[in-house]
């Protein structure tokens, strides 16, 4: 049974959090059992150290083992020292966590994976509305089968690929294998970011839930929603889908802002946690819809020095393009992972491609520490961040200029 509470005005205390976790997680689920907790990495805002301590307080005393795994997807691999820092645990003093080990999903190692089965052509066609028709293998981190319970612990935000993050997304792509990951990211790209983000019922979410059914290890979920001060205003504990669904409803109320008109210029300031365009692209995803046709979206982040530490060689080869650019010539890009193609289209945004001419709807400009030569090479604009005065973009909405601080986690949409 689902337990939890939340509202845009609620602030949950440490005591509230432990009570909700305990009420929603019956002791028989974890007593004398091996438990694996799946958490986000540093690219998701939430008070993770507090939540890790709360899970340990509720589950750790009576379970047999309580391990933690960072559900990286394909983000850069983390060391144990980095994981402990993420969780707020002193590496020299792990008191209270004697039963625990701390690892991250090693998506980069073939031996990591266990084959769960496939989604067949008919399933894929039905879910995607015939946008795609193929058989897709579903693989997942084999370590989950060493445990009696999987516990998902993570926040829910509007998301460019699945509609809202969280829930089963900590399994797929959090700890899943490449081919399935690339497939559903490409499905999201074909539908387009603006056609998915901030929508709860999406074909990509349905694909993830279809894969979820193939896991026979018990799974429990603790879904949360945070406010602008990184404090919990909602926590829902129970079944994976029910928990995620309630959090997504609250996230829609709290993390979506509606504007009355589009802006000719939008500058989104990337937070420090986005240290490459692979994740700083979220600035574009969350702001694209309020940029006027022919307008400009600026991703501002002097701290950003890489396109992608993992996938940069592919992106620098193909550049950023609208979906139709790839769809018109898929054979040309058959050796590029489709998740990379999806990222490319999400950052470039909507637009058209016909007769060899590409027409993006808006201009996307990087004001980062990525050199101008690279920006031009990857088909994006360039501005020198040292020549930008942020105050020149502030408080000018009446002039068609929007400034958004800490961009990337709040979705901006137009009315109607």
Protein backbone atom coordinates (compact mmCIF):
# COMPACT_ATOMS: atom_id res chain seq x y z
CA UNK A 1 0.00 0.00 0.00
CA UNK A 2 1.27 3.45 -0.91
CA UNK A 3 2.29 5.78 1.90
CA UNK A 4 3.30 9.41 1.61
CA UNK A 5 2.33 13.02 1.53
CA UNK A 6 3.24 16.20 -0.24
CA UNK A 7 2.16 19.51 -1.70
CA UNK A 8 3.90 22.56 -3.18
CA UNK A 9 3.76 24.18 0.28
CA UNK A 10 4.89 21.14 2.30
CA UNK A 11 8.37 20.85 3.81
CA UNK A 12 9.09 17.36 5.13
CA UNK A 13 11.25 17.10 8.24
CA UNK A 14 13.74 14.30 8.89
CA UNK A 15 11.17 12.78 11.24
CA UNK A 16 8.45 12.96 8.58
CA UNK A 17 10.70 11.21 6.07
CA UNK A 18 11.56 8.33 8.39
CA UNK A 19 7.90 7.88 9.37
CA UNK A 20 6.79 7.72 5.72
CA UNK A 21 9.59 5.33 4.80
CA UNK A 22 8.80 3.06 7.73
CA UNK A 23 5.04 3.11 7.15
CA UNK A 24 5.43 2.37 3.43
CA UNK A 25 8.07 -0.35 3.82
CA UNK A 26 6.80 -3.30 5.90
CA UNK A 27 9.50 -4.97 7.98
CA UNK A 28 8.91 -8.37 6.35
CA UNK A 29 10.21 -6.90 3.09
CA UNK A 30 13.74 -6.44 4.44
CA UNK A 31 14.26 -8.22 7.80
CA UNK A 32 17.25 -10.58 7.50
CA UNK A 33 17.30 -9.94 3.74
CA UNK A 34 19.80 -8.51 1.28
CA UNK A 35 18.74 -5.07 0.05
CA UNK A 36 20.18 -3.01 -2.82
CA UNK A 37 19.34 0.71 -2.93
CA UNK A 38 19.48 2.45 -6.33
CA UNK A 39 20.21 6.17 -6.16
CA UNK A 40 20.83 9.06 -8.58
CA UNK A 41 24.24 10.54 -9.27
CA UNK A 42 25.20 14.17 -8.79
CA UNK A 43 23.19 15.36 -11.83
CA UNK A 44 19.90 15.22 -9.91
CA UNK A 45 19.03 17.70 -7.17
CA UNK A 46 17.86 16.15 -3.92
CA UNK A 47 19.07 15.99 -0.31
CA UNK A 48 20.64 12.60 -0.97
CA UNK A 49 22.81 12.33 2.17
CA UNK A 50 19.74 12.85 4.36
CA UNK A 51 17.77 10.26 2.39
CA UNK A 52 20.55 7.69 2.50
CA UNK A 53 20.75 8.12 6.28
CA UNK A 54 16.96 7.76 6.55
CA UNK A 55 16.93 4.51 4.55
CA UNK A 56 19.74 3.19 6.73
CA UNK A 57 17.80 4.14 9.86
CA UNK A 58 14.66 2.35 8.68
CA UNK A 59 16.12 -0.70 6.93
CA UNK A 60 19.72 -1.02 8.08
CA UNK A 61 19.22 -2.26 11.62
CA UNK A 62 17.36 -5.47 10.78
CA UNK A 63 18.28 -6.31 7.20
CA UNK A 64 21.12 -8.77 6.50
CA UNK A 65 22.88 -6.45 4.06
CA UNK A 66 22.20 -2.92 2.79
CA UNK A 67 24.19 -1.97 -0.30
CA UNK A 68 23.97 1.16 -2.44
CA UNK A 69 24.43 1.50 -6.20
CA UNK A 70 24.51 4.74 -8.18
CA UNK A 71 22.24 4.26 -11.21
CA UNK A 72 24.51 6.03 -13.69
CA UNK A 73 22.88 5.22 -16.98
CA UNK A 74 25.88 6.04 -19.17
CA UNK A 75 27.26 8.93 -17.12
CA UNK A 76 30.96 8.87 -16.13
CA UNK A 77 31.91 6.03 -13.78
CA UNK A 78 32.41 7.05 -10.15
CA UNK A 79 34.98 5.82 -7.62
CA UNK A 80 33.91 4.68 -4.15
CA UNK A 81 35.38 7.89 -2.75
CA UNK A 82 33.17 9.95 -5.09
CA UNK A 83 30.12 7.88 -4.19
CA UNK A 84 30.71 8.35 -0.47
CA UNK A 85 31.06 12.10 -1.01
CA UNK A 86 27.78 12.06 -2.95
CA UNK A 87 26.11 10.31 0.00
CA UNK A 88 27.74 12.53 2.62
CA UNK A 89 29.61 9.64 4.25
CA UNK A 90 33.11 10.11 5.64
CA UNK A 91 35.35 7.48 3.94
CA UNK A 92 37.43 7.27 7.14
CA UNK A 93 34.37 6.74 9.34
CA UNK A 94 31.54 4.63 7.90
CA UNK A 95 29.90 4.17 11.29
CA UNK A 96 26.33 3.07 10.90
CA UNK A 97 27.03 1.59 7.48
CA UNK A 98 28.97 -1.51 8.48
CA UNK A 99 26.54 -3.69 6.50
CA UNK A 100 26.95 -1.64 3.35
CA UNK A 101 29.06 -1.50 0.22
CA UNK A 102 28.98 1.38 -2.27
CA UNK A 103 29.25 0.84 -6.01
CA UNK A 104 28.13 2.37 -9.27
CA UNK A 105 26.59 0.77 -12.33
CA UNK A 106 29.43 -0.33 -14.62
CA UNK A 107 27.66 0.19 -17.92
CA UNK A 108 31.08 0.19 -19.61
CA UNK A 109 31.79 -3.49 -18.87
CA UNK A 110 30.07 -6.22 -20.96
CA UNK A 111 30.22 -8.68 -18.06
CA UNK A 112 27.93 -6.38 -16.05
CA UNK A 113 24.79 -7.50 -17.84
CA UNK A 114 22.16 -10.22 -17.62
CA UNK A 115 19.79 -10.79 -20.52
CA UNK A 116 16.14 -10.47 -19.43
CA UNK A 117 14.51 -11.21 -22.79
CA UNK A 118 13.18 -9.05 -25.60
CA UNK A 119 10.40 -6.71 -26.56
CA UNK A 120 9.22 -8.17 -29.84
CA UNK A 121 8.27 -6.29 -33.01
CA UNK A 122 4.56 -6.36 -32.31
CA UNK A 123 5.02 -5.03 -28.76
CA UNK A 124 7.29 -2.24 -29.95
CA UNK A 125 4.96 -1.29 -32.81
CA UNK A 126 1.92 -1.23 -30.52
CA UNK A 127 3.61 0.87 -27.84
CA UNK A 128 5.23 3.30 -30.29
CA UNK A 129 2.18 3.77 -32.49
CA UNK A 130 4.14 2.14 -35.36
CA UNK A 131 6.87 4.77 -35.19
CA UNK A 132 9.33 1.91 -34.68
CA UNK A 133 8.99 -1.80 -35.38
CA UNK A 134 11.86 -3.97 -34.24
CA UNK A 135 12.87 -6.61 -31.72
CA UNK A 136 14.79 -5.08 -28.82
CA UNK A 137 16.90 -7.04 -26.31
CA UNK A 138 16.49 -6.04 -22.67
CA UNK A 139 19.55 -6.38 -20.41
CA UNK A 140 20.17 -5.29 -16.85
CA UNK A 141 22.95 -5.26 -14.26
CA UNK A 142 23.30 -8.86 -13.09
CA UNK A 143 24.13 -7.79 -9.51
CA UNK A 144 20.43 -7.25 -8.79
CA UNK A 145 19.96 -11.02 -8.62
CA UNK A 146 22.24 -11.18 -5.56
CA UNK A 147 19.56 -9.38 -3.53
CA UNK A 148 16.13 -10.10 -2.07
CA UNK A 149 14.85 -6.55 -2.51
CA UNK A 150 15.61 -3.64 -4.81
CA UNK A 151 14.84 -0.22 -3.33
CA UNK A 152 14.62 2.75 -5.71
CA UNK A 153 15.43 6.07 -4.04
CA UNK A 154 15.22 9.12 -6.26
CA UNK A 155 13.54 12.41 -7.23
CA UNK A 156 11.03 13.03 -10.01
CA UNK A 157 11.41 15.89 -12.50
CA UNK A 158 9.96 16.67 -15.94
CA UNK A 159 12.16 14.70 -18.34
CA UNK A 160 12.96 15.01 -22.02
CA UNK A 161 12.94 11.29 -22.91
CA UNK A 162 10.27 9.71 -20.70
CA UNK A 163 8.05 12.66 -19.70
CA UNK A 164 8.92 12.52 -16.00
CA UNK A 165 12.04 10.98 -14.50
CA UNK A 166 12.18 8.61 -11.55
CA UNK A 167 10.55 5.29 -10.76
CA UNK A 168 11.51 2.49 -13.15
CA UNK A 169 13.88 4.86 -14.94
CA UNK A 170 16.38 3.98 -12.19
CA UNK A 171 16.37 0.50 -13.73
CA UNK A 172 16.09 1.52 -17.39
CA UNK A 173 18.45 3.21 -18.25
CA UNK A 174 19.82 3.58 -14.69
CA UNK A 175 21.33 0.08 -14.53
CA UNK A 176 20.40 -1.35 -17.93
CA UNK A 177 22.27 -2.30 -21.07
CA UNK A 178 23.06 -0.39 -24.21
CA UNK A 179 20.79 -1.59 -27.00
CA UNK A 180 17.56 -1.12 -25.06
CA UNK A 181 18.78 2.24 -23.74
CA UNK A 182 19.61 3.52 -27.21
CA UNK A 183 16.31 2.22 -28.59
CA UNK A 184 14.00 4.07 -26.22
CA UNK A 185 16.05 7.26 -26.28
CA UNK A 186 15.68 7.25 -30.06
CA UNK A 187 11.94 6.62 -29.73
CA UNK A 188 11.75 9.72 -27.54
CA UNK A 189 13.69 11.71 -30.12
CA UNK A 190 11.37 10.65 -32.94
CA UNK A 191 8.39 11.80 -30.87
CA UNK A 192 10.43 14.96 -29.98
CA UNK A 193 11.33 16.42 -26.63
CA UNK A 194 8.52 18.98 -26.76
CA UNK A 195 6.05 16.17 -27.45
CA UNK A 196 7.11 14.24 -24.33
CA UNK A 197 8.59 16.43 -21.62
CA UNK A 198 6.25 17.08 -18.70
CA UNK A 199 3.71 14.49 -19.90
CA UNK A 200 3.09 11.53 -17.60
CA UNK A 201 1.72 8.94 -20.03
CA UNK A 202 4.24 8.57 -22.85
CA UNK A 203 5.21 5.68 -25.16
CA UNK A 204 8.74 5.71 -23.72
CA UNK A 205 7.45 5.35 -20.16
CA UNK A 206 5.25 2.48 -21.38
CA UNK A 207 8.32 0.80 -22.88
CA UNK A 208 10.17 1.11 -19.56
CA UNK A 209 7.22 -0.34 -17.66
CA UNK A 210 7.04 -3.25 -20.11
CA UNK A 211 10.70 -4.00 -19.35
CA UNK A 212 10.02 -3.65 -15.61
CA UNK A 213 7.71 -6.67 -15.78
CA UNK A 214 10.63 -8.86 -16.82
CA UNK A 215 12.42 -8.47 -13.45
CA UNK A 216 11.49 -11.11 -10.89
CA UNK A 217 13.32 -9.56 -7.93
CA UNK A 218 10.92 -7.67 -5.59
CA UNK A 219 11.16 -3.90 -6.16
CA UNK A 220 10.05 -1.11 -3.83
CA UNK A 221 10.17 2.61 -4.57
CA UNK A 222 10.69 5.82 -2.63
CA UNK A 223 9.87 8.71 -4.98
CA UNK A 224 10.39 12.29 -3.92
CA UNK A 225 9.85 15.83 -5.16
CA UNK A 226 12.11 18.73 -4.16
CA UNK A 227 11.52 22.46 -4.13
CA UNK A 228 13.87 25.23 -5.27
CA UNK A 229 15.70 25.12 -1.92
CA UNK A 230 16.51 21.40 -2.33
CA UNK A 231 14.08 20.48 0.43
CA UNK A 232 11.58 17.67 0.18
CA UNK A 233 8.01 18.74 -0.39
CA UNK A 234 6.77 15.27 -1.25
CA UNK A 235 7.67 11.62 -0.59
CA UNK A 236 5.71 8.55 -1.72
CA UNK A 237 6.72 5.02 -0.77
CA UNK A 238 5.32 1.80 -2.20
CA UNK A 239 4.81 0.08 -5.56
CA UNK A 240 7.15 1.40 -8.26
CA UNK A 241 4.49 2.70 -10.62
CA UNK A 242 2.15 4.04 -7.91
CA UNK A 243 4.98 5.79 -6.07
CA UNK A 244 6.35 7.38 -9.24
CA UNK A 245 2.87 8.38 -10.45
CA UNK A 246 2.02 10.32 -7.28
CA UNK A 247 5.39 12.06 -7.31
CA UNK A 248 4.98 12.94 -11.00
CA UNK A 249 1.63 14.58 -10.24
CA UNK A 250 3.23 16.76 -7.58
CA UNK A 251 6.24 17.46 -9.78
CA UNK A 252 3.89 18.71 -12.51
CA UNK A 253 2.43 21.19 -10.03
CA UNK A 254 5.79 22.32 -8.69
CA UNK A 255 8.31 21.98 -11.52
CA UNK A 256 6.39 23.39 -14.51
CA UNK A 257 6.05 27.13 -15.12
CA UNK A 258 3.63 28.44 -17.74
CA UNK A 259 4.42 31.62 -19.65
CA UNK A 260 1.92 33.68 -21.60
CA UNK A 261 4.16 34.46 -24.57
CA UNK A 262 7.43 33.31 -26.17
CA UNK A 263 10.73 35.18 -25.87
CA UNK A 264 13.14 36.18 -28.62
CA UNK A 265 16.11 35.49 -26.32
CA UNK A 266 16.34 33.05 -23.42
CA UNK A 267 19.49 32.60 -21.34
CA UNK A 268 19.59 29.58 -19.09
CA UNK A 269 22.36 29.49 -16.51
CA UNK A 270 23.57 25.92 -16.07
CA UNK A 271 24.16 24.77 -12.48
CA UNK A 272 27.60 23.43 -11.57
CA UNK A 273 26.26 19.87 -11.41
CA UNK A 274 25.98 19.89 -15.21
CA UNK A 275 29.65 19.72 -16.17
CA UNK A 276 29.26 18.69 -19.83
CA UNK A 277 26.74 19.36 -22.60
CA UNK A 278 25.51 15.76 -22.33
CA UNK A 279 23.71 16.84 -19.14
CA UNK A 280 23.73 20.63 -19.55
CA UNK A 281 21.53 20.02 -22.58
CA UNK A 282 18.74 19.93 -19.99
CA UNK A 283 18.87 23.73 -20.06
CA UNK A 284 17.66 23.53 -23.67
CA UNK A 285 15.12 20.79 -23.01
CA UNK A 286 13.41 22.72 -20.23
CA UNK A 287 13.39 26.09 -22.03
CA UNK A 288 12.93 25.26 -25.71
CA UNK A 289 9.17 25.71 -25.72
CA UNK A 290 9.23 29.36 -24.59
CA UNK A 291 11.71 30.50 -27.26
CA UNK A 292 10.00 32.28 -30.16
CA UNK A 293 10.36 30.97 -33.71
CA UNK A 294 13.72 32.18 -34.97
CA UNK A 295 14.75 33.15 -31.44
CA UNK A 296 17.89 32.24 -29.52
CA UNK A 297 18.49 29.95 -26.55
CA UNK A 298 21.80 30.46 -24.75
CA UNK A 299 23.24 27.70 -22.54
CA UNK A 300 25.47 29.66 -20.17
CA UNK A 301 28.07 27.72 -18.16
CA UNK A 302 31.70 28.88 -18.02
CA UNK A 303 32.47 25.76 -15.95
CA UNK A 304 31.50 23.45 -18.85
CA UNK A 305 34.58 22.27 -20.76
CA UNK A 306 33.37 19.07 -22.44
CA UNK A 307 30.66 18.09 -24.88
CA UNK A 308 30.62 14.60 -23.36
CA UNK A 309 33.38 12.62 -21.69
CA UNK A 310 31.65 9.40 -22.72
CA UNK A 311 30.12 10.17 -26.12
CA UNK A 312 32.01 13.28 -27.22
CA UNK A 313 33.86 11.57 -30.09
CA UNK A 314 30.54 10.66 -31.72
CA UNK A 315 28.96 14.07 -31.19
CA UNK A 316 31.99 15.90 -32.55
CA UNK A 317 31.74 13.65 -35.61
CA UNK A 318 28.03 14.13 -36.37
CA UNK A 319 27.16 17.44 -34.71
CA UNK A 320 23.76 18.56 -33.45
CA UNK A 321 20.80 18.28 -35.82
CA UNK A 322 17.01 18.13 -35.92
CA UNK A 323 15.39 14.68 -35.98
CA UNK A 324 14.39 14.89 -39.64
CA UNK A 325 18.05 15.33 -40.60
CA UNK A 326 18.81 11.85 -39.23
CA UNK A 327 15.55 10.21 -40.27
CA UNK A 328 16.18 11.17 -43.89
CA UNK A 329 19.57 9.43 -43.94
CA UNK A 330 19.66 6.75 -41.25
CA UNK A 331 21.99 4.51 -43.26
CA UNK A 332 24.63 7.21 -43.06
CA UNK A 333 24.49 7.12 -39.27
CA UNK A 334 24.02 3.38 -38.73
CA UNK A 335 27.28 3.13 -36.78
CA UNK A 336 26.33 5.91 -34.33
CA UNK A 337 24.55 4.79 -31.11
CA UNK A 338 20.95 5.93 -31.32
CA UNK A 339 21.11 7.40 -27.84
CA UNK A 340 23.72 9.81 -29.21
CA UNK A 341 21.47 10.68 -32.15
CA UNK A 342 18.66 11.28 -29.66
CA UNK A 343 20.80 13.61 -27.56
CA UNK A 344 21.79 15.47 -30.72
CA UNK A 345 18.19 16.13 -31.73
CA UNK A 346 17.11 17.10 -28.21
CA UNK A 347 19.82 19.75 -27.93
CA UNK A 348 19.19 21.08 -31.46
CA UNK A 349 15.44 21.12 -30.96
CA UNK A 350 12.60 20.83 -33.42
CA UNK A 351 12.85 21.83 -37.06
CA UNK A 352 12.73 20.53 -40.61
CA UNK A 353 15.06 18.96 -43.15
CA UNK A 354 14.24 18.75 -46.85
CA UNK A 355 16.19 18.82 -50.09
CA UNK A 356 19.44 18.83 -48.17
CA UNK A 357 18.55 21.96 -46.21
CA UNK A 358 18.15 21.92 -42.43
CA UNK A 359 15.94 24.54 -40.78
CA UNK A 360 15.96 24.39 -36.97
CA UNK A 361 13.13 26.29 -35.30
CA UNK A 362 15.47 28.22 -32.99
CA UNK A 363 19.14 29.06 -32.61
CA UNK A 364 21.08 27.26 -29.87
CA UNK A 365 24.23 28.97 -28.58
CA UNK A 366 26.85 27.72 -26.13
CA UNK A 367 28.40 30.27 -23.77
CA UNK A 368 30.76 27.81 -22.13
CA UNK A 369 34.48 27.04 -22.03
CA UNK A 370 34.11 24.82 -25.10
CA UNK A 371 36.13 26.57 -27.85
CA UNK A 372 34.36 28.39 -30.66
CA UNK A 373 35.91 26.05 -33.22
CA UNK A 374 34.29 23.04 -31.56
CA UNK A 375 30.93 24.81 -31.23
CA UNK A 376 30.91 25.56 -34.96
CA UNK A 377 32.03 22.02 -35.73
CA UNK A 378 29.08 20.54 -33.82
CA UNK A 379 26.60 22.91 -35.49
CA UNK A 380 25.90 25.17 -32.51
CA UNK A 381 26.45 28.88 -31.99
CA UNK A 382 29.14 30.35 -29.78
CA UNK A 383 29.36 33.25 -27.34
CA UNK A 384 32.31 34.13 -25.15
CA UNK A 385 31.03 33.68 -21.56
CA UNK A 386 33.54 36.25 -20.29
CA UNK A 387 31.82 38.91 -22.40
CA UNK A 388 28.36 38.12 -21.05
CA UNK A 389 26.98 40.23 -18.20
CA UNK A 390 24.15 38.21 -16.71
CA UNK A 391 22.50 41.36 -15.37
CA UNK A 392 21.94 42.43 -18.98
CA UNK A 393 19.49 39.54 -19.32
CA UNK A 394 17.67 39.95 -16.01
CA UNK A 395 14.28 41.58 -15.48
CA UNK A 396 13.67 42.17 -19.18
CA UNK A 397 10.73 39.91 -19.89
CA UNK A 398 8.71 42.83 -21.21
CA UNK A 399 11.40 43.25 -23.85
CA UNK A 400 11.25 39.59 -24.90
CA UNK A 401 14.31 38.48 -22.92
CA UNK A 402 14.11 35.75 -20.27
CA UNK A 403 16.83 34.84 -17.78
CA UNK A 404 16.57 31.54 -15.89
CA UNK A 405 18.97 30.75 -13.05
CA UNK A 406 19.79 27.13 -12.16
CA UNK A 407 18.12 26.05 -15.40
CA UNK A 408 17.49 22.41 -16.26
CA UNK A 409 15.07 21.11 -13.62
CA UNK A 410 12.03 23.37 -14.08
CA UNK A 411 10.10 23.06 -17.34
CA UNK A 412 8.93 26.27 -18.98
CA UNK A 413 5.90 25.95 -21.26
CA UNK A 414 3.63 28.30 -23.14
CA UNK A 415 -0.03 28.66 -22.19
CA UNK A 416 -2.15 26.39 -24.39
